[in-house]
Amino acid sequence: MSTISRSKKDQMVSEALARTHDPKTSWEAADQVNTNRLEKIVLDCIKAHGNNGAIHDDVWNTLPQLSGKGGRSLNVREGSITPRYAQLEKKGLIYRDGTTRKGGMGRSQLVMYFNEKKS
């Protein structure tokens, strides 16, 4: 396991994230997550929606289409992709301007846009 430093928000800061009060199993699982791979997958999904942007439902529904590329299954859990939005936004690769759209369950979801200026 890698050396871990904690931020003011009580979160582990490393390549994989877990909260300090999470059980040991969560820390072990977080250490195994390939965040670079997941960020690329999520970024590709958001890019695929172009200027219209993508809500979470769009990203989730785009994953099966991307898995056909290269003949490999992405094998991604929904709970693994939602944390990537904040990471991609911090890196400046995507942005959210407050625009929302209704998701499949009728709730508003923030629209995320690919930041072409950053690529």
C-alpha atoms as a PDB file:
ATOM      1  CA  MET A   1       0.000   0.000   0.000  1.00  0.00           C
ATOM      2  CA  SER A   2       1.266   3.478  -0.852  1.00  0.00           C
ATOM      3  CA  THR A   3       2.035   6.298   1.549  1.00  0.00           C
ATOM      4  CA  ILE A   4      -1.109   8.254   2.329  1.00  0.00           C
ATOM      5  CA  SER A   5      -1.586  11.863   3.321  1.00  0.00           C
ATOM      6  CA  ARG A   6      -4.926  13.223   4.494  1.00  0.00           C
ATOM      7  CA  SER A   7      -6.544  16.466   3.406  1.00  0.00           C
ATOM      8  CA  LYS A   8      -8.599  18.903   5.485  1.00  0.00           C
ATOM      9  CA  LYS A   9     -11.773  17.358   4.096  1.00  0.00           C
ATOM     10  CA  ASP A  10     -10.994  14.042   5.783  1.00  0.00           C
ATOM     11  CA  GLN A  11     -10.170  12.322   2.509  1.00  0.00           C
ATOM     12  CA  MET A  12      -7.228  10.234   1.554  1.00  0.00           C
ATOM     13  CA  VAL A  13      -5.138  11.897  -1.131  1.00  0.00           C
ATOM     14  CA  SER A  14      -3.549   9.381  -3.448  1.00  0.00           C
ATOM     15  CA  GLU A  15      -4.228   7.917  -6.881  1.00  0.00           C
ATOM     16  CA  ALA A  16      -7.230   6.135  -5.377  1.00  0.00           C
ATOM     17  CA  LEU A  17      -9.565   7.817  -2.900  1.00  0.00           C
ATOM     18  CA  ALA A  18     -11.061   6.618   0.378  1.00  0.00           C
ATOM     19  CA  ARG A  19     -12.190   8.496   3.460  1.00  0.00           C
ATOM     20  CA  THR A  20     -10.207   8.164   6.685  1.00  0.00           C
ATOM     21  CA  HIS A  21     -13.212   6.717   8.512  1.00  0.00           C
ATOM     22  CA  ASP A  22     -13.838   4.024   5.867  1.00  0.00           C
ATOM     23  CA  PRO A  23     -13.080   0.425   6.814  1.00  0.00           C
ATOM     24  CA  LYS A  24      -9.801  -1.209   5.831  1.00  0.00           C
ATOM     25  CA  THR A  25     -11.508  -3.054   2.974  1.00  0.00           C
ATOM     26  CA  SER A  26     -12.477   0.278   1.384  1.00  0.00           C
ATOM     27  CA  TRP A  27      -8.885   1.481   1.574  1.00  0.00           C
ATOM     28  CA  GLU A  28      -7.663  -1.756  -0.014  1.00  0.00           C
ATOM     29  CA  ALA A  29     -10.247  -1.478  -2.794  1.00  0.00           C
ATOM     30  CA  ALA A  30      -9.389   2.190  -3.392  1.00  0.00           C
ATOM     31  CA  ASP A  31      -5.728   1.263  -3.706  1.00  0.00           C
ATOM     32  CA  GLN A  32      -6.618  -1.194  -6.492  1.00  0.00           C
ATOM     33  CA  VAL A  33      -8.614   1.285  -8.610  1.00  0.00           C
ATOM     34  CA  ASN A  34      -6.921   2.353 -11.820  1.00  0.00           C
ATOM     35  CA  THR A  35      -8.133   5.960 -11.771  1.00  0.00           C
ATOM     36  CA  ASN A  36      -6.317   6.913 -14.980  1.00  0.00           C
ATOM     37  CA  ARG A  37      -8.146   4.180 -16.907  1.00  0.00           C
ATOM     38  CA  LEU A  38     -11.512   5.147 -15.430  1.00  0.00           C
ATOM     39  CA  GLU A  39     -10.945   8.862 -16.059  1.00  0.00           C
ATOM     40  CA  LYS A  40     -10.153   8.147 -19.711  1.00  0.00           C
ATOM     41  CA  ILE A  41     -13.285   6.027 -20.090  1.00  0.00           C
ATOM     42  CA  VAL A  42     -15.507   8.721 -18.547  1.00  0.00           C
ATOM     43  CA  LEU A  43     -13.810  11.471 -20.560  1.00  0.00           C
ATOM     44  CA  ASP A  44     -14.363   9.498 -23.790  1.00  0.00           C
ATOM     45  CA  CYS A  45     -18.059   9.138 -22.920  1.00  0.00           C
ATOM     46  CA  ILE A  46     -18.436  12.874 -22.306  1.00  0.00           C
ATOM     47  CA  LYS A  47     -16.519  13.685 -25.515  1.00  0.00           C
ATOM     48  CA  ALA A  48     -18.863  11.392 -27.462  1.00  0.00           C
ATOM     49  CA  HIS A  49     -21.772  13.738 -26.657  1.00  0.00           C
ATOM     50  CA  GLY A  50     -20.069  16.746 -28.230  1.00  0.00           C
ATOM     51  CA  ASN A  51     -21.430  20.252 -27.705  1.00  0.00           C
ATOM     52  CA  ASN A  52     -24.650  18.943 -26.122  1.00  0.00           C
ATOM     53  CA  GLY A  53     -22.708  17.736 -23.101  1.00  0.00           C
ATOM     54  CA  ALA A  54     -23.600  14.675 -21.065  1.00  0.00           C
ATOM     55  CA  ILE A  55     -25.425  13.970 -17.849  1.00  0.00           C
ATOM     56  CA  HIS A  56     -24.540  10.929 -15.748  1.00  0.00           C
ATOM     57  CA  ASP A  57     -27.225   8.825 -17.458  1.00  0.00           C
ATOM     58  CA  ASP A  58     -25.684   9.672 -20.851  1.00  0.00           C
ATOM     59  CA  VAL A  59     -22.236   8.619 -19.660  1.00  0.00           C
ATOM     60  CA  TRP A  60     -23.552   5.358 -18.212  1.00  0.00           C
ATOM     61  CA  ASN A  61     -25.514   4.564 -21.380  1.00  0.00           C
ATOM     62  CA  THR A  62     -22.509   5.319 -23.615  1.00  0.00           C
ATOM     63  CA  LEU A  63     -20.252   2.783 -21.869  1.00  0.00           C
ATOM     64  CA  PRO A  64     -21.583  -0.286 -23.749  1.00  0.00           C
ATOM     65  CA  GLN A  65     -20.936   1.472 -27.080  1.00  0.00           C
ATOM     66  CA  LEU A  66     -17.332   2.163 -26.135  1.00  0.00           C
ATOM     67  CA  SER A  67     -16.735  -1.420 -24.978  1.00  0.00           C
ATOM     68  CA  GLY A  68     -16.994  -2.586 -28.584  1.00  0.00           C
ATOM     69  CA  LYS A  69     -13.800  -0.732 -29.478  1.00  0.00           C
ATOM     70  CA  GLY A  70     -10.893  -3.137 -29.508  1.00  0.00           C
ATOM     71  CA  GLY A  71     -13.206  -6.022 -28.666  1.00  0.00           C
ATOM     72  CA  ARG A  72     -12.661  -5.638 -24.913  1.00  0.00           C
ATOM     73  CA  SER A  73     -15.329  -5.256 -22.271  1.00  0.00           C
ATOM     74  CA  LEU A  74     -14.853  -2.192 -20.078  1.00  0.00           C
ATOM     75  CA  ASN A  75     -16.216  -3.990 -16.996  1.00  0.00           C
ATOM     76  CA  VAL A  76     -16.944  -0.750 -15.117  1.00  0.00           C
ATOM     77  CA  ARG A  77     -19.281  -0.403 -12.150  1.00  0.00           C
ATOM     78  CA  GLU A  78     -21.525   2.635 -11.984  1.00  0.00           C
ATOM     79  CA  GLY A  79     -20.213   3.563  -8.543  1.00  0.00           C
ATOM     80  CA  SER A  80     -16.691   3.692  -9.962  1.00  0.00           C
ATOM     81  CA  ILE A  81     -17.435   6.329 -12.574  1.00  0.00           C
ATOM     82  CA  THR A  82     -19.287   8.958 -10.547  1.00  0.00           C
ATOM     83  CA  PRO A  83     -16.169  10.035  -8.568  1.00  0.00           C
ATOM     84  CA  ARG A  84     -14.323  10.656 -11.851  1.00  0.00           C
ATOM     85  CA  TYR A  85     -16.409  13.737 -12.697  1.00  0.00           C
ATOM     86  CA  ALA A  86     -14.887  15.827  -9.912  1.00  0.00           C
ATOM     87  CA  GLN A  87     -11.382  14.594 -10.748  1.00  0.00           C
ATOM     88  CA  LEU A  88     -11.781  15.455 -14.433  1.00  0.00           C
ATOM     89  CA  GLU A  89     -13.182  18.859 -13.527  1.00  0.00           C
ATOM     90  CA  LYS A  90     -10.245  19.596 -11.189  1.00  0.00           C
ATOM     91  CA  LYS A  91      -7.872  18.726 -14.022  1.00  0.00           C
ATOM     92  CA  GLY A  92      -9.764  21.096 -16.314  1.00  0.00           C
ATOM     93  CA  LEU A  93     -10.688  18.362 -18.784  1.00  0.00           C
ATOM     94  CA  ILE A  94     -14.427  18.858 -18.302  1.00  0.00           C
ATOM     95  CA  TYR A  95     -16.555  21.681 -16.962  1.00  0.00           C
ATOM     96  CA  ARG A  96     -20.041  22.132 -15.574  1.00  0.00           C
ATOM     97  CA  ASP A  97     -21.829  25.465 -15.962  1.00  0.00           C
ATOM     98  CA  GLY A  98     -24.887  24.738 -13.831  1.00  0.00           C
ATOM     99  CA  THR A  99     -27.046  23.538 -16.726  1.00  0.00           C
ATOM    100  CA  THR A 100     -29.211  20.549 -15.816  1.00  0.00           C
ATOM    101  CA  ARG A 101     -31.301  17.969 -17.669  1.00  0.00           C
ATOM    102  CA  LYS A 102     -33.728  15.368 -16.398  1.00  0.00           C
ATOM    103  CA  GLY A 103     -32.309  11.889 -16.043  1.00  0.00           C
ATOM    104  CA  GLY A 104     -34.126   8.603 -16.506  1.00  0.00           C
ATOM    105  CA  MET A 105     -35.592   8.745 -12.998  1.00  0.00           C
ATOM    106  CA  GLY A 106     -36.946  12.268 -13.542  1.00  0.00           C
ATOM    107  CA  ARG A 107     -34.356  14.028 -11.394  1.00  0.00           C
ATOM    108  CA  SER A 108     -32.169  16.868 -12.588  1.00  0.00           C
ATOM    109  CA  GLN A 109     -28.552  16.032 -13.344  1.00  0.00           C
ATOM    110  CA  LEU A 110     -25.730  18.460 -14.073  1.00  0.00           C
ATOM    111  CA  VAL A 111     -24.564  18.586 -17.680  1.00  0.00           C
ATOM    112  CA  MET A 112     -20.827  18.019 -18.167  1.00  0.00           C
ATOM    113  CA  TYR A 113     -18.942  19.333 -21.168  1.00  0.00           C
ATOM    114  CA  PHE A 114     -15.582  18.333 -22.630  1.00  0.00           C
ATOM    115  CA  ASN A 115     -13.140  21.224 -22.338  1.00  0.00           C
ATOM    116  CA  GLU A 116     -11.648  21.377 -25.840  1.00  0.00           C
ATOM    117  CA  LYS A 117      -9.275  24.182 -24.833  1.00  0.00           C
ATOM    118  CA  LYS A 118      -7.526  21.852 -22.376  1.00  0.00           C
ATOM    119  CA  SER A 119      -6.878  19.019 -24.829  1.00  0.00           C
END
